Amino acid sequence: MRIAFLGTPDFAATCLAALIAAGHEIAAVYSQPPAPRGRGQELKPSPTHALAQSHGLMVRTPASMRDPTEIEAFAALHLDAAVVVAFGQILPAAVLDAPARGAFNLHASLLPRWRGAAPIQRAIMAGDKVTGVEVMRMTEGLDEGPVLATETLRIDALETAGTLHDRLAEAGADLLVRTLAAVARGEAVETPQAEEGATYAKKIRPKEARLDWSKPAAELDRKIRGLSPFPGAWFEAQTEKGPVRIKALLSRLEDADGVPGVALDDGLLIGTGEGAVRLLRVQREGKGPQDAEVFLRGFPAPMGTHFL
């Protein structure tokens, strides 16, 4: 089919690569405008933008798809379908209705659970055992359209948002290719979403990332893994030069009890309000991520160390 692809981050780029490989005619790629990235804060294109450029595709980076000029240009593409994956803008009805077969979205949850901006992180933070990816027909409501296809994935005990992101992206890219083939053949079946069980995956707020050791270990473990690698759940350690921020990037639950925020051994087993968490991977402020044993060689935290 002749399609336009609208997406921005790595997750979307994985899907665009699959659609290119499947032989679809990509009339245009839409992505968020270049943004400051890296230490130098230079303006750089999004991962989807960069991939599209490498394939010689036309790329548009409108500030708003509600701009009448952009809507007119989109309609002039004479599309069979539009495919949206983590684009970052709400699309008006005029855009959704322009393609002959409609607009389709790949969403990283089992709808209607976790509609919204951060479904991968929220699923882990909530303790969900399964999640998945779904292709739905887009409507003006937030992630409320009928579902055409679903792929379910298990969330493992040591799953982080980063590892789950990558697994969902690969599964989603494959599901998207198969679903669009069914749409092209006229064989796709659309199922309305359930009216009950809807939850909303609100955008992660910076203040959520601070760890409170008085909370139960299970809640802290889910937060650590759900916010890894970005933005990273964090706590502080007191040093002679003042407090040092440390990100917790991977953890596991252990059957132990102790004072909240206090190291229960020499290997980053930390007491909480209920139970204990073992930190497996951390990142000291100004340093790169390290496994716990490597981190402790340069930053010892013996039993009794109090973390803030």
C-alpha atoms as a PDB file:
ATOM      1  CA  MET A   1       0.000   0.000   0.000  1.00  0.00           C
ATOM      2  CA  ARG A   2       0.938   3.637  -0.324  1.00  0.00           C
ATOM      3  CA  ILE A   3       1.319   4.865   3.245  1.00  0.00           C
ATOM      4  CA  ALA A   4       2.561   7.729   5.375  1.00  0.00           C
ATOM      5  CA  PHE A   5       4.416   6.810   8.555  1.00  0.00           C
ATOM      6  CA  LEU A   6       4.208   9.045  11.619  1.00  0.00           C
ATOM      7  CA  GLY A   7       6.629   8.252  14.448  1.00  0.00           C
ATOM      8  CA  THR A   8       9.539   9.600  16.451  1.00  0.00           C
ATOM      9  CA  PRO A   9      11.550   7.400  18.905  1.00  0.00           C
ATOM     10  CA  ASP A  10      13.494   4.147  18.478  1.00  0.00           C
ATOM     11  CA  PHE A  11      10.310   2.119  18.980  1.00  0.00           C
ATOM     12  CA  ALA A  12       8.812   3.768  15.898  1.00  0.00           C
ATOM     13  CA  ALA A  13      12.023   3.437  13.882  1.00  0.00           C
ATOM     14  CA  THR A  14      11.966  -0.345  14.387  1.00  0.00           C
ATOM     15  CA  CYS A  15       8.459  -0.433  12.918  1.00  0.00           C
ATOM     16  CA  LEU A  16       9.348   1.827   9.981  1.00  0.00           C
ATOM     17  CA  ALA A  17      12.258  -0.451   9.090  1.00  0.00           C
ATOM     18  CA  ALA A  18       9.891  -3.433   8.996  1.00  0.00           C
ATOM     19  CA  LEU A  19       7.412  -1.629   6.738  1.00  0.00           C
ATOM     20  CA  ILE A  20      10.180  -0.634   4.349  1.00  0.00           C
ATOM     21  CA  ALA A  21      11.405  -4.239   4.239  1.00  0.00           C
ATOM     22  CA  ALA A  22       7.839  -5.435   3.602  1.00  0.00           C
ATOM     23  CA  GLY A  23       7.752  -3.431   0.382  1.00  0.00           C
ATOM     24  CA  HIS A  24       5.189  -0.761   1.182  1.00  0.00           C
ATOM     25  CA  GLU A  25       5.456   2.513  -0.727  1.00  0.00           C
ATOM     26  CA  ILE A  26       6.356   5.079   1.943  1.00  0.00           C
ATOM     27  CA  ALA A  27       5.031   8.337   0.518  1.00  0.00           C
ATOM     28  CA  ALA A  28       6.252  10.416   3.462  1.00  0.00           C
ATOM     29  CA  VAL A  29       7.571  10.090   6.989  1.00  0.00           C
ATOM     30  CA  TYR A  30       6.429  12.498   9.682  1.00  0.00           C
ATOM     31  CA  SER A  31       8.420  12.964  12.873  1.00  0.00           C
ATOM     32  CA  GLN A  32       8.891  15.475  15.662  1.00  0.00           C
ATOM     33  CA  PRO A  33      11.274  18.346  14.836  1.00  0.00           C
ATOM     34  CA  PRO A  34      15.005  17.874  15.559  1.00  0.00           C
ATOM     35  CA  ALA A  35      15.792  18.424  19.236  1.00  0.00           C
ATOM     36  CA  PRO A  36      18.921  19.076  21.338  1.00  0.00           C
ATOM     37  CA  ARG A  37      20.623  15.769  22.126  1.00  0.00           C
ATOM     38  CA  GLY A  38      23.822  14.593  23.770  1.00  0.00           C
ATOM     39  CA  ARG A  39      26.327  16.500  25.867  1.00  0.00           C
ATOM     40  CA  GLY A  40      26.774  19.182  23.234  1.00  0.00           C
ATOM     41  CA  GLN A  41      22.996  19.652  22.975  1.00  0.00           C
ATOM     42  CA  GLU A  42      23.241  19.837  19.201  1.00  0.00           C
ATOM     43  CA  LEU A  43      20.041  19.699  17.181  1.00  0.00           C
ATOM     44  CA  LYS A  44      19.692  16.153  15.914  1.00  0.00           C
ATOM     45  CA  PRO A  45      16.898  14.339  14.064  1.00  0.00           C
ATOM     46  CA  SER A  46      14.800  11.734  15.852  1.00  0.00           C
ATOM     47  CA  PRO A  47      15.662   8.032  15.310  1.00  0.00           C
ATOM     48  CA  THR A  48      12.730   7.696  12.882  1.00  0.00           C
ATOM     49  CA  HIS A  49      13.769  10.833  11.000  1.00  0.00           C
ATOM     50  CA  ALA A  50      17.355   9.587  10.694  1.00  0.00           C
ATOM     51  CA  LEU A  51      16.259   6.149   9.456  1.00  0.00           C
ATOM     52  CA  ALA A  52      13.951   7.686   6.860  1.00  0.00           C
ATOM     53  CA  GLN A  53      16.747   9.922   5.594  1.00  0.00           C
ATOM     54  CA  SER A  54      19.066   6.938   5.252  1.00  0.00           C
ATOM     55  CA  HIS A  55      16.497   5.363   2.915  1.00  0.00           C
ATOM     56  CA  GLY A  56      16.012   8.530   0.897  1.00  0.00           C
ATOM     57  CA  LEU A  57      12.428   9.045   2.073  1.00  0.00           C
ATOM     58  CA  MET A  58      10.717  12.410   2.261  1.00  0.00           C
ATOM     59  CA  VAL A  59      10.565  13.615   5.870  1.00  0.00           C
ATOM     60  CA  ARG A  60       8.313  16.306   7.294  1.00  0.00           C
ATOM     61  CA  THR A  61       8.667  17.669  10.840  1.00  0.00           C
ATOM     62  CA  PRO A  62       5.640  19.914  11.414  1.00  0.00           C
ATOM     63  CA  ALA A  63       5.260  21.718  14.725  1.00  0.00           C
ATOM     64  CA  SER A  64       1.546  20.878  14.584  1.00  0.00           C
ATOM     65  CA  MET A  65      -0.495  18.563  12.397  1.00  0.00           C
ATOM     66  CA  ARG A  66      -3.465  20.849  13.064  1.00  0.00           C
ATOM     67  CA  ASP A  67      -1.951  23.496  10.810  1.00  0.00           C
ATOM     68  CA  PRO A  68      -4.302  23.806   7.779  1.00  0.00           C
ATOM     69  CA  THR A  69      -1.307  23.862   5.452  1.00  0.00           C
ATOM     70  CA  GLU A  70      -0.047  20.563   6.875  1.00  0.00           C
ATOM     71  CA  ILE A  71      -3.490  18.988   6.645  1.00  0.00           C
ATOM     72  CA  GLU A  72      -3.754  20.004   3.003  1.00  0.00           C
ATOM     73  CA  ALA A  73      -0.278  18.627   2.229  1.00  0.00           C
ATOM     74  CA  PHE A  74      -1.129  15.355   3.984  1.00  0.00           C
ATOM     75  CA  ALA A  75      -4.347  14.935   2.002  1.00  0.00           C
ATOM     76  CA  ALA A  76      -2.430  15.630  -1.229  1.00  0.00           C
ATOM     77  CA  LEU A  77      -0.335  12.487  -0.660  1.00  0.00           C
ATOM     78  CA  HIS A  78      -3.334  10.362  -1.781  1.00  0.00           C
ATOM     79  CA  LEU A  79      -2.604   7.617   0.724  1.00  0.00           C
ATOM     80  CA  ASP A  80      -4.046   4.154   1.114  1.00  0.00           C
ATOM     81  CA  ALA A  81      -3.287   4.270   4.842  1.00  0.00           C
ATOM     82  CA  ALA A  82      -1.446   6.141   7.572  1.00  0.00           C
ATOM     83  CA  VAL A  83       0.555   4.312  10.236  1.00  0.00           C
ATOM     84  CA  VAL A  84       1.204   6.007  13.577  1.00  0.00           C
ATOM     85  CA  VAL A  85       3.696   4.751  16.173  1.00  0.00           C
ATOM     86  CA  ALA A  86       4.633   7.002  19.108  1.00  0.00           C
ATOM     87  CA  PHE A  87       4.433  10.140  16.991  1.00  0.00           C
ATOM     88  CA  GLY A  88       3.969  12.584  19.840  1.00  0.00           C
ATOM     89  CA  GLN A  89       1.048  14.666  18.573  1.00  0.00           C
ATOM     90  CA  ILE A  90      -2.723  14.347  18.703  1.00  0.00           C
ATOM     91  CA  LEU A  91      -4.010  14.059  15.144  1.00  0.00           C
ATOM     92  CA  PRO A  92      -7.179  15.879  14.048  1.00  0.00           C
ATOM     93  CA  ALA A  93     -10.045  14.116  12.292  1.00  0.00           C
ATOM     94  CA  ALA A  94      -9.082  15.698   8.975  1.00  0.00           C
ATOM     95  CA  VAL A  95      -5.756  13.846   9.086  1.00  0.00           C
ATOM     96  CA  LEU A  96      -7.196  10.546  10.325  1.00  0.00           C
ATOM     97  CA  ASP A  97      -9.850  10.541   7.600  1.00  0.00           C
ATOM     98  CA  ALA A  98      -7.584  11.519   4.691  1.00  0.00           C
ATOM     99  CA  PRO A  99      -6.183   8.046   3.775  1.00  0.00           C
ATOM    100  CA  ALA A 100      -8.549   5.824   1.782  1.00  0.00           C
ATOM    101  CA  ARG A 101      -8.394   2.945   4.275  1.00  0.00           C
ATOM    102  CA  GLY A 102      -7.882   5.062   7.380  1.00  0.00           C
ATOM    103  CA  ALA A 103      -5.159   5.538   9.991  1.00  0.00           C
ATOM    104  CA  PHE A 104      -3.756   2.737  12.150  1.00  0.00           C
ATOM    105  CA  ASN A 105      -1.820   2.954  15.396  1.00  0.00           C
ATOM    106  CA  LEU A 106       0.500   0.463  17.081  1.00  0.00           C
ATOM    107  CA  HIS A 107       0.150   0.774  20.865  1.00  0.00           C
ATOM    108  CA  ALA A 108       2.339  -0.935  23.473  1.00  0.00           C
ATOM    109  CA  SER A 109      -0.311  -2.322  25.813  1.00  0.00           C
ATOM    110  CA  LEU A 110      -3.347  -4.597  25.914  1.00  0.00           C
ATOM    111  CA  LEU A 111      -6.099  -2.046  25.460  1.00  0.00           C
ATOM    112  CA  PRO A 112      -8.098  -0.634  27.111  1.00  0.00           C
ATOM    113  CA  ARG A 113      -5.451  -1.040  29.833  1.00  0.00           C
ATOM    114  CA  TRP A 114      -2.753   1.636  29.749  1.00  0.00           C
ATOM    115  CA  ARG A 115      -4.036   4.046  27.172  1.00  0.00           C
ATOM    116  CA  GLY A 116      -1.781   7.074  26.926  1.00  0.00           C
ATOM    117  CA  ALA A 117       1.858   8.141  26.975  1.00  0.00           C
ATOM    118  CA  ALA A 118       3.823   5.652  29.115  1.00  0.00           C
ATOM    119  CA  PRO A 119       2.251   2.181  28.844  1.00  0.00           C
ATOM    120  CA  ILE A 120       5.510   0.208  29.097  1.00  0.00           C
ATOM    121  CA  GLN A 121       6.682   1.901  32.287  1.00  0.00           C
ATOM    122  CA  ARG A 122       3.257   1.871  33.924  1.00  0.00           C
ATOM    123  CA  ALA A 123       2.712  -1.836  33.248  1.00  0.00           C
ATOM    124  CA  ILE A 124       5.917  -2.764  35.092  1.00  0.00           C
ATOM    125  CA  MET A 125       5.326  -0.264  37.890  1.00  0.00           C
ATOM    126  CA  ALA A 126       1.840  -1.678  38.452  1.00  0.00           C
ATOM    127  CA  GLY A 127       3.131  -5.247  38.681  1.00  0.00           C
ATOM    128  CA  ASP A 128       1.377  -6.523  35.554  1.00  0.00           C
ATOM    129  CA  LYS A 129       2.390 -10.063  34.610  1.00  0.00           C
ATOM    130  CA  VAL A 130       1.551  -9.711  30.912  1.00  0.00           C
ATOM    131  CA  THR A 131       1.381  -6.906  28.384  1.00  0.00           C
ATOM    132  CA  GLY A 132       1.533  -6.723  24.616  1.00  0.00           C
ATOM    133  CA  VAL A 133       1.149  -4.700  21.452  1.00  0.00           C
ATOM    134  CA  GLU A 134      -2.013  -3.996  19.511  1.00  0.00           C
ATOM    135  CA  VAL A 135      -2.876  -2.457  16.162  1.00  0.00           C
ATOM    136  CA  MET A 136      -6.007  -0.327  16.282  1.00  0.00           C
ATOM    137  CA  ARG A 137      -7.900   1.905  13.926  1.00  0.00           C
ATOM    138  CA  MET A 138      -7.418   5.471  15.098  1.00  0.00           C
ATOM    139  CA  THR A 139     -10.328   7.598  16.249  1.00  0.00           C
ATOM    140  CA  GLU A 140     -10.363  11.031  17.842  1.00  0.00           C
ATOM    141  CA  GLY A 141     -10.530   9.498  21.337  1.00  0.00           C
ATOM    142  CA  LEU A 142      -7.229   8.726  23.109  1.00  0.00           C
ATOM    143  CA  ASP A 143      -6.320   5.141  22.137  1.00  0.00           C
ATOM    144  CA  GLU A 144     -10.005   4.212  21.991  1.00  0.00           C
ATOM    145  CA  GLY A 145     -10.349   2.793  18.474  1.00  0.00           C
ATOM    146  CA  PRO A 146     -11.272  -0.795  17.545  1.00  0.00           C
ATOM    147  CA  VAL A 147      -8.460  -3.364  17.665  1.00  0.00           C
ATOM    148  CA  LEU A 148      -7.377  -5.311  14.589  1.00  0.00           C
ATOM    149  CA  ALA A 149      -4.583  -7.488  16.011  1.00  0.00           C
ATOM    150  CA  THR A 150      -2.876  -8.377  19.293  1.00  0.00           C
ATOM    151  CA  GLU A 151       0.414  -9.949  20.382  1.00  0.00           C
ATOM    152  CA  THR A 152       0.809 -10.792  24.080  1.00  0.00           C
ATOM    153  CA  LEU A 153       4.130 -10.852  25.958  1.00  0.00           C
ATOM    154  CA  ARG A 154       5.005 -11.969  29.470  1.00  0.00           C
ATOM    155  CA  ILE A 155       6.692  -9.486  31.829  1.00  0.00           C
ATOM    156  CA  ASP A 156       9.584 -11.295  33.523  1.00  0.00           C
ATOM    157  CA  ALA A 157      10.735 -10.828  37.134  1.00  0.00           C
ATOM    158  CA  LEU A 158      13.887  -8.937  36.084  1.00  0.00           C
ATOM    159  CA  GLU A 159      12.232  -7.053  33.210  1.00  0.00           C
ATOM    160  CA  THR A 160      13.056  -3.362  32.857  1.00  0.00           C
ATOM    161  CA  ALA A 161      11.296  -0.766  30.763  1.00  0.00           C
ATOM    162  CA  GLY A 162      14.312  -0.897  28.453  1.00  0.00           C
ATOM    163  CA  THR A 163      14.275  -4.647  27.845  1.00  0.00           C
ATOM    164  CA  LEU A 164      10.490  -4.746  27.537  1.00  0.00           C
ATOM    165  CA  HIS A 165      10.594  -1.791  25.122  1.00  0.00           C
ATOM    166  CA  ASP A 166      12.916  -3.693  22.802  1.00  0.00           C
ATOM    167  CA  ARG A 167      10.855  -6.898  22.894  1.00  0.00           C
ATOM    168  CA  LEU A 168       7.622  -5.021  22.280  1.00  0.00           C
ATOM    169  CA  ALA A 169       9.164  -3.056  19.409  1.00  0.00           C
ATOM    170  CA  GLU A 170      10.205  -6.245  17.604  1.00  0.00           C
ATOM    171  CA  ALA A 171       6.862  -7.922  18.250  1.00  0.00           C
ATOM    172  CA  GLY A 172       5.002  -4.770  17.234  1.00  0.00           C
ATOM    173  CA  ALA A 173       6.900  -4.367  13.979  1.00  0.00           C
ATOM    174  CA  ASP A 174       6.038  -7.937  12.970  1.00  0.00           C
ATOM    175  CA  LEU A 175       2.406  -7.541  14.030  1.00  0.00           C
ATOM    176  CA  LEU A 176       2.109  -4.293  12.093  1.00  0.00           C
ATOM    177  CA  VAL A 177       3.400  -5.854   8.883  1.00  0.00           C
ATOM    178  CA  ARG A 178       0.991  -8.794   9.176  1.00  0.00           C
ATOM    179  CA  THR A 179      -1.960  -6.554  10.030  1.00  0.00           C
ATOM    180  CA  LEU A 180      -1.393  -4.162   7.140  1.00  0.00           C
ATOM    181  CA  ALA A 181      -1.217  -7.135   4.788  1.00  0.00           C
ATOM    182  CA  ALA A 182      -4.637  -8.196   6.071  1.00  0.00           C
ATOM    183  CA  VAL A 183      -5.955  -4.654   5.609  1.00  0.00           C
ATOM    184  CA  ALA A 184      -4.677  -4.624   2.021  1.00  0.00           C
ATOM    185  CA  ARG A 185      -6.466  -7.910   1.314  1.00  0.00           C
ATOM    186  CA  GLY A 186      -9.655  -6.661   2.940  1.00  0.00           C
ATOM    187  CA  GLU A 187      -9.468  -9.426   5.547  1.00  0.00           C
ATOM    188  CA  ALA A 188      -8.786  -7.415   8.726  1.00  0.00           C
ATOM    189  CA  VAL A 189     -11.388  -7.824  11.480  1.00  0.00           C
ATOM    190  CA  GLU A 190     -11.964  -4.939  13.883  1.00  0.00           C
ATOM    191  CA  THR A 191     -13.072  -5.575  17.473  1.00  0.00           C
ATOM    192  CA  PRO A 192     -14.352  -2.710  19.654  1.00  0.00           C
ATOM    193  CA  GLN A 193     -12.466  -2.226  22.903  1.00  0.00           C
ATOM    194  CA  ALA A 194     -14.111  -3.288  26.144  1.00  0.00           C
ATOM    195  CA  GLU A 195     -15.911  -0.489  27.942  1.00  0.00           C
ATOM    196  CA  GLU A 196     -14.627  -1.645  31.327  1.00  0.00           C
ATOM    197  CA  GLY A 197     -11.050  -1.921  32.582  1.00  0.00           C
ATOM    198  CA  ALA A 198      -9.649   1.220  30.998  1.00  0.00           C
ATOM    199  CA  THR A 199      -6.580   2.696  32.701  1.00  0.00           C
ATOM    200  CA  TYR A 200      -4.397   5.617  31.649  1.00  0.00           C
ATOM    201  CA  ALA A 201      -0.608   5.574  31.477  1.00  0.00           C
ATOM    202  CA  LYS A 202       0.205   9.115  32.486  1.00  0.00           C
ATOM    203  CA  LYS A 203       3.506  10.621  31.430  1.00  0.00           C
ATOM    204  CA  ILE A 204       6.298   9.938  33.919  1.00  0.00           C
ATOM    205  CA  ARG A 205       6.890  12.963  36.122  1.00  0.00           C
ATOM    206  CA  PRO A 206      10.414  13.759  37.435  1.00  0.00           C
ATOM    207  CA  LYS A 207       9.272  13.768  41.056  1.00  0.00           C
ATOM    208  CA  GLU A 208       8.111  10.150  40.713  1.00  0.00           C
ATOM    209  CA  ALA A 209      11.689   8.942  40.251  1.00  0.00           C
ATOM    210  CA  ARG A 210      12.822   9.539  43.860  1.00  0.00           C
ATOM    211  CA  LEU A 211      12.883   6.314  45.888  1.00  0.00           C
ATOM    212  CA  ASP A 212      11.233   6.293  49.302  1.00  0.00           C
ATOM    213  CA  TRP A 213      12.745   3.440  51.295  1.00  0.00           C
ATOM    214  CA  SER A 214       9.777   3.415  53.682  1.00  0.00           C
ATOM    215  CA  LYS A 215       7.637   1.942  50.887  1.00  0.00           C
ATOM    216  CA  PRO A 216       7.298  -1.854  50.488  1.00  0.00           C
ATOM    217  CA  ALA A 217      10.115  -3.624  48.664  1.00  0.00           C
ATOM    218  CA  ALA A 218       7.778  -4.930  45.953  1.00  0.00           C
ATOM    219  CA  GLU A 219       6.669  -1.398  45.072  1.00  0.00           C
ATOM    220  CA  LEU A 220      10.256  -0.115  45.015  1.00  0.00           C
ATOM    221  CA  ASP A 221      11.474  -3.003  42.870  1.00  0.00           C
ATOM    222  CA  ARG A 222       8.735  -2.331  40.316  1.00  0.00           C
ATOM    223  CA  LYS A 223       9.556   1.372  40.267  1.00  0.00           C
ATOM    224  CA  ILE A 224      13.269   0.715  39.782  1.00  0.00           C
ATOM    225  CA  ARG A 225      12.678  -1.619  36.862  1.00  0.00           C
ATOM    226  CA  GLY A 226       9.838   0.450  35.402  1.00  0.00           C
ATOM    227  CA  LEU A 227      11.962   3.612  35.265  1.00  0.00           C
ATOM    228  CA  SER A 228      15.088   1.922  33.909  1.00  0.00           C
ATOM    229  CA  PRO A 229      16.995   3.114  31.973  1.00  0.00           C
ATOM    230  CA  PHE A 230      15.178   6.443  31.771  1.00  0.00           C
ATOM    231  CA  PRO A 231      14.652   8.563  33.747  1.00  0.00           C
ATOM    232  CA  GLY A 232      16.045   6.180  36.372  1.00  0.00           C
ATOM    233  CA  ALA A 233      14.760   5.792  39.924  1.00  0.00           C
ATOM    234  CA  TRP A 234      17.220   7.418  42.300  1.00  0.00           C
ATOM    235  CA  PHE A 235      18.330   7.839  45.890  1.00  0.00           C
ATOM    236  CA  GLU A 236      21.213   9.559  47.655  1.00  0.00           C
ATOM    237  CA  ALA A 237      24.296   8.440  49.577  1.00  0.00           C
ATOM    238  CA  GLN A 238      25.993  10.792  52.033  1.00  0.00           C
ATOM    239  CA  THR A 239      29.729  11.336  51.488  1.00  0.00           C
ATOM    240  CA  GLU A 240      32.359  13.646  52.955  1.00  0.00           C
ATOM    241  CA  LYS A 241      31.738  16.014  50.042  1.00  0.00           C
ATOM    242  CA  GLY A 242      27.965  15.937  50.456  1.00  0.00           C
ATOM    243  CA  PRO A 243      25.114  13.819  49.070  1.00  0.00           C
ATOM    244  CA  VAL A 244      25.680  11.888  45.855  1.00  0.00           C
ATOM    245  CA  ARG A 245      22.765  10.885  43.664  1.00  0.00           C
ATOM    246  CA  ILE A 246      22.677   7.245  42.573  1.00  0.00           C
ATOM    247  CA  LYS A 247      20.304   5.749  40.036  1.00  0.00           C
ATOM    248  CA  ALA A 248      19.012   2.223  40.626  1.00  0.00           C
ATOM    249  CA  LEU A 249      18.693   0.509  37.237  1.00  0.00           C
ATOM    250  CA  LEU A 250      18.013  -3.123  38.137  1.00  0.00           C
ATOM    251  CA  SER A 251      16.917  -4.879  41.319  1.00  0.00           C
ATOM    252  CA  ARG A 252      15.347  -8.013  42.719  1.00  0.00           C
ATOM    253  CA  LEU A 253      13.352  -8.845  45.805  1.00  0.00           C
ATOM    254  CA  GLU A 254      14.971 -10.772  48.664  1.00  0.00           C
ATOM    255  CA  ASP A 255      13.539 -12.311  51.806  1.00  0.00           C
ATOM    256  CA  ALA A 256      15.078 -10.074  54.453  1.00  0.00           C
ATOM    257  CA  ASP A 257      14.008  -7.386  56.883  1.00  0.00           C
ATOM    258  CA  GLY A 258      15.771  -4.332  58.204  1.00  0.00           C
ATOM    259  CA  VAL A 259      15.641  -0.606  58.769  1.00  0.00           C
ATOM    260  CA  PRO A 260      14.369   1.241  55.671  1.00  0.00           C
ATOM    261  CA  GLY A 261      17.231   2.741  53.677  1.00  0.00           C
ATOM    262  CA  VAL A 262      19.967   0.857  55.539  1.00  0.00           C
ATOM    263  CA  ALA A 263      22.338  -1.627  53.857  1.00  0.00           C
ATOM    264  CA  LEU A 264      21.748  -5.111  55.257  1.00  0.00           C
ATOM    265  CA  ASP A 265      25.030  -6.508  53.907  1.00  0.00           C
ATOM    266  CA  ASP A 266      28.046  -5.355  51.908  1.00  0.00           C
ATOM    267  CA  GLY A 267      26.383  -6.032  48.529  1.00  0.00           C
ATOM    268  CA  LEU A 268      23.637  -3.391  48.236  1.00  0.00           C
ATOM    269  CA  LEU A 269      20.846  -5.297  49.928  1.00  0.00           C
ATOM    270  CA  ILE A 270      18.706  -2.466  51.289  1.00  0.00           C
ATOM    271  CA  GLY A 271      15.963  -2.568  53.868  1.00  0.00           C
ATOM    272  CA  THR A 272      12.558  -1.093  53.062  1.00  0.00           C
ATOM    273  CA  GLY A 273       9.242  -0.576  54.803  1.00  0.00           C
ATOM    274  CA  GLU A 274       8.434  -4.215  54.066  1.00  0.00           C
ATOM    275  CA  GLY A 275      11.112  -6.641  52.909  1.00  0.00           C
ATOM    276  CA  ALA A 276      14.324  -5.793  51.076  1.00  0.00           C
ATOM    277  CA  VAL A 277      15.633  -5.111  47.581  1.00  0.00           C
ATOM    278  CA  ARG A 278      18.985  -6.118  46.160  1.00  0.00           C
ATOM    279  CA  LEU A 279      20.383  -3.504  43.761  1.00  0.00           C
ATOM    280  CA  LEU A 280      21.982  -5.300  40.812  1.00  0.00           C
ATOM    281  CA  ARG A 281      22.876  -2.389  38.550  1.00  0.00           C
ATOM    282  CA  VAL A 282      23.373   1.250  39.501  1.00  0.00           C
ATOM    283  CA  GLN A 283      24.719   4.524  38.135  1.00  0.00           C
ATOM    284  CA  ARG A 284      26.564   7.062  40.225  1.00  0.00           C
ATOM    285  CA  GLU A 285      26.068  10.722  39.336  1.00  0.00           C
ATOM    286  CA  GLY A 286      28.496  11.665  36.563  1.00  0.00           C
ATOM    287  CA  LYS A 287      29.411   8.021  35.835  1.00  0.00           C
ATOM    288  CA  GLY A 288      28.145   5.310  33.514  1.00  0.00           C
ATOM    289  CA  PRO A 289      25.915   2.371  34.515  1.00  0.00           C
ATOM    290  CA  GLN A 290      27.713  -0.376  36.442  1.00  0.00           C
ATOM    291  CA  ASP A 291      26.907  -3.789  37.836  1.00  0.00           C
ATOM    292  CA  ALA A 292      26.743  -3.661  41.628  1.00  0.00           C
ATOM    293  CA  GLU A 293      30.030  -5.481  42.263  1.00  0.00           C
ATOM    294  CA  VAL A 294      31.917  -3.097  39.955  1.00  0.00           C
ATOM    295  CA  PHE A 295      30.234  -0.066  41.497  1.00  0.00           C
ATOM    296  CA  LEU A 296      31.182  -1.170  45.023  1.00  0.00           C
ATOM    297  CA  ARG A 297      34.891  -1.333  44.190  1.00  0.00           C
ATOM    298  CA  GLY A 298      34.938   2.419  43.761  1.00  0.00           C
ATOM    299  CA  PHE A 299      32.105   3.310  46.116  1.00  0.00           C
ATOM    300  CA  PRO A 300      32.012   0.905  49.082  1.00  0.00           C
ATOM    301  CA  ALA A 301      28.698   0.672  50.917  1.00  0.00           C
ATOM    302  CA  PRO A 302      29.249  -1.703  53.851  1.00  0.00           C
ATOM    303  CA  MET A 303      26.502  -3.100  56.056  1.00  0.00           C
ATOM    304  CA  GLY A 304      24.943  -0.301  58.060  1.00  0.00           C
ATOM    305  CA  THR A 305      25.341   2.366  55.356  1.00  0.00           C
ATOM    306  CA  HIS A 306      22.331   4.657  55.425  1.00  0.00           C
ATOM    307  CA  PHE A 307      20.862   5.749  52.104  1.00  0.00           C
ATOM    308  CA  LEU A 308      18.579   8.744  51.744  1.00  0.00           C
END
